Every structure is written in structure tokens, then in C-alpha cells.
Amino acid sequence: MMDRPGDYRWSSYKAKAHGTADAWPTPHPLYQRLGRTGAERRVA
């Protein structure tokens, strides 16, 4: 376990929570349906 999610090497936290560019992992189709843009999905 990590103290902060972003510290875990294989976490997608940075890409999902902060919108940082990350080629891994490929976004899940259900996640993509939360909004048209990354900003919309983060708000959802």
C-alpha cells in the first residue's frame, strides 16, 4: 500500500484525477462515457 495513490507506479490516478498525459492504461469505454473530454470526465 502507498500513502498516496499517485506514488504507486502502476496507478492511473494521475491521469484520471489530474488529467496528466498517460499512454497507459487505455481508458475503459465506460469511463469514456462519463464525458466528451477529460475535464468533463473528471467532474463526473
N, C-alpha and C. Protein backbone atom coordinates (compact mmCIF):
# COMPACT_ATOMS: atom_id res chain seq x y z
N MET A 1 0.83 -1.18 0.00
CA MET A 1 0.00 0.00 0.00
C MET A 1 0.88 1.25 0.00
N MET A 2 0.36 2.25 -0.62
CA MET A 2 1.06 3.53 -0.70
C MET A 2 0.30 4.56 0.14
N ASP A 3 1.02 5.56 0.61
CA ASP A 3 0.37 6.65 1.35
C ASP A 3 -0.47 7.53 0.42
N ARG A 4 0.00 7.67 -0.82
CA ARG A 4 -0.71 8.50 -1.81
C ARG A 4 -0.89 7.68 -3.08
N PRO A 5 -2.09 7.67 -3.68
CA PRO A 5 -2.33 6.87 -4.88
C PRO A 5 -1.36 7.17 -6.01
N GLY A 6 -0.98 8.42 -6.17
CA GLY A 6 -0.08 8.80 -7.25
C GLY A 6 1.32 8.26 -7.10
N ASP A 7 1.69 7.77 -5.92
CA ASP A 7 3.02 7.22 -5.70
C ASP A 7 3.17 5.80 -6.25
N TYR A 8 2.04 5.12 -6.45
CA TYR A 8 2.10 3.74 -6.95
C TYR A 8 2.41 3.77 -8.44
N ARG A 9 3.45 3.08 -8.82
CA ARG A 9 3.95 3.14 -10.19
C ARG A 9 2.88 2.80 -11.23
N TRP A 10 2.05 1.82 -10.95
CA TRP A 10 1.08 1.34 -11.94
C TRP A 10 -0.30 1.96 -11.78
N SER A 11 -0.40 3.01 -11.01
CA SER A 11 -1.69 3.66 -10.78
C SER A 11 -2.04 4.58 -11.95
N SER A 12 -3.31 4.61 -12.30
CA SER A 12 -3.78 5.56 -13.31
C SER A 12 -4.32 6.83 -12.64
N TYR A 13 -4.08 6.96 -11.35
CA TYR A 13 -4.60 8.09 -10.58
C TYR A 13 -4.24 9.44 -11.20
N LYS A 14 -2.98 9.62 -11.55
CA LYS A 14 -2.55 10.92 -12.08
C LYS A 14 -3.31 11.28 -13.36
N ALA A 15 -3.50 10.31 -14.22
CA ALA A 15 -4.20 10.58 -15.48
C ALA A 15 -5.68 10.84 -15.24
N LYS A 16 -6.29 10.08 -14.35
CA LYS A 16 -7.73 10.22 -14.11
C LYS A 16 -8.06 11.44 -13.25
N ALA A 17 -7.32 11.67 -12.20
CA ALA A 17 -7.65 12.74 -11.27
C ALA A 17 -7.11 14.10 -11.69
N HIS A 18 -5.97 14.11 -12.37
CA HIS A 18 -5.33 15.39 -12.70
C HIS A 18 -5.22 15.64 -14.19
N GLY A 19 -5.60 14.66 -14.99
CA GLY A 19 -5.57 14.86 -16.44
C GLY A 19 -4.20 14.89 -17.06
N THR A 20 -3.21 14.33 -16.38
CA THR A 20 -1.88 14.30 -16.97
C THR A 20 -1.86 13.30 -18.12
N ALA A 21 -1.06 13.60 -19.12
CA ALA A 21 -0.96 12.70 -20.27
C ALA A 21 -0.36 11.37 -19.83
N ASP A 22 -1.02 10.32 -20.22
CA ASP A 22 -0.56 8.99 -19.83
C ASP A 22 -1.02 8.00 -20.89
N ALA A 23 -0.09 7.35 -21.55
CA ALA A 23 -0.45 6.39 -22.59
C ALA A 23 -0.97 5.08 -21.99
N TRP A 24 -0.72 4.88 -20.73
CA TRP A 24 -1.17 3.66 -20.06
C TRP A 24 -2.04 4.05 -18.89
N PRO A 25 -3.08 3.43 -18.61
CA PRO A 25 -3.74 2.40 -19.41
C PRO A 25 -4.68 3.01 -20.43
N THR A 26 -5.15 2.18 -21.33
CA THR A 26 -6.16 2.62 -22.29
C THR A 26 -7.46 2.86 -21.52
N PRO A 27 -8.07 4.01 -21.66
CA PRO A 27 -9.30 4.29 -20.91
C PRO A 27 -10.40 3.27 -21.21
N HIS A 28 -11.10 2.85 -20.17
CA HIS A 28 -12.20 1.91 -20.30
C HIS A 28 -13.37 2.62 -20.99
N PRO A 29 -14.10 1.92 -21.86
CA PRO A 29 -15.23 2.55 -22.56
C PRO A 29 -16.26 3.19 -21.61
N LEU A 30 -16.53 2.56 -20.47
CA LEU A 30 -17.49 3.15 -19.53
C LEU A 30 -16.97 4.45 -18.94
N TYR A 31 -15.67 4.51 -18.69
CA TYR A 31 -15.07 5.75 -18.19
C TYR A 31 -15.21 6.84 -19.25
N GLN A 32 -14.97 6.50 -20.50
CA GLN A 32 -15.05 7.48 -21.58
C GLN A 32 -16.47 8.02 -21.74
N ARG A 33 -17.47 7.26 -21.38
CA ARG A 33 -18.86 7.70 -21.49
C ARG A 33 -19.24 8.75 -20.44
N LEU A 34 -18.39 8.97 -19.46
CA LEU A 34 -18.69 9.96 -18.42
C LEU A 34 -18.64 11.39 -18.94
N GLY A 35 -18.01 11.58 -20.09
CA GLY A 35 -17.94 12.93 -20.66
C GLY A 35 -17.20 12.91 -21.98
N ARG A 36 -17.35 13.99 -22.74
CA ARG A 36 -16.69 14.07 -24.05
C ARG A 36 -15.20 14.38 -23.93
N THR A 37 -14.82 15.05 -22.86
CA THR A 37 -13.42 15.42 -22.66
C THR A 37 -12.93 14.91 -21.31
N GLY A 38 -11.63 14.91 -21.14
CA GLY A 38 -11.07 14.50 -19.86
C GLY A 38 -11.56 15.38 -18.72
N ALA A 39 -11.70 16.67 -18.99
CA ALA A 39 -12.19 17.59 -17.95
C ALA A 39 -13.62 17.23 -17.54
N GLU A 40 -14.47 16.92 -18.50
CA GLU A 40 -15.85 16.53 -18.18
C GLU A 40 -15.89 15.23 -17.39
N ARG A 41 -15.03 14.28 -17.75
CA ARG A 41 -15.00 13.00 -17.04
C ARG A 41 -14.51 13.18 -15.60
N ARG A 42 -13.54 14.07 -15.39
CA ARG A 42 -13.04 14.30 -14.03
C ARG A 42 -14.12 14.93 -13.14
N VAL A 43 -14.94 15.79 -13.70
CA VAL A 43 -16.01 16.42 -12.93
C VAL A 43 -17.08 15.39 -12.57
N ALA A 44 -17.34 14.46 -13.49
CA ALA A 44 -18.36 13.44 -13.26
C ALA A 44 -17.95 12.58 -12.09
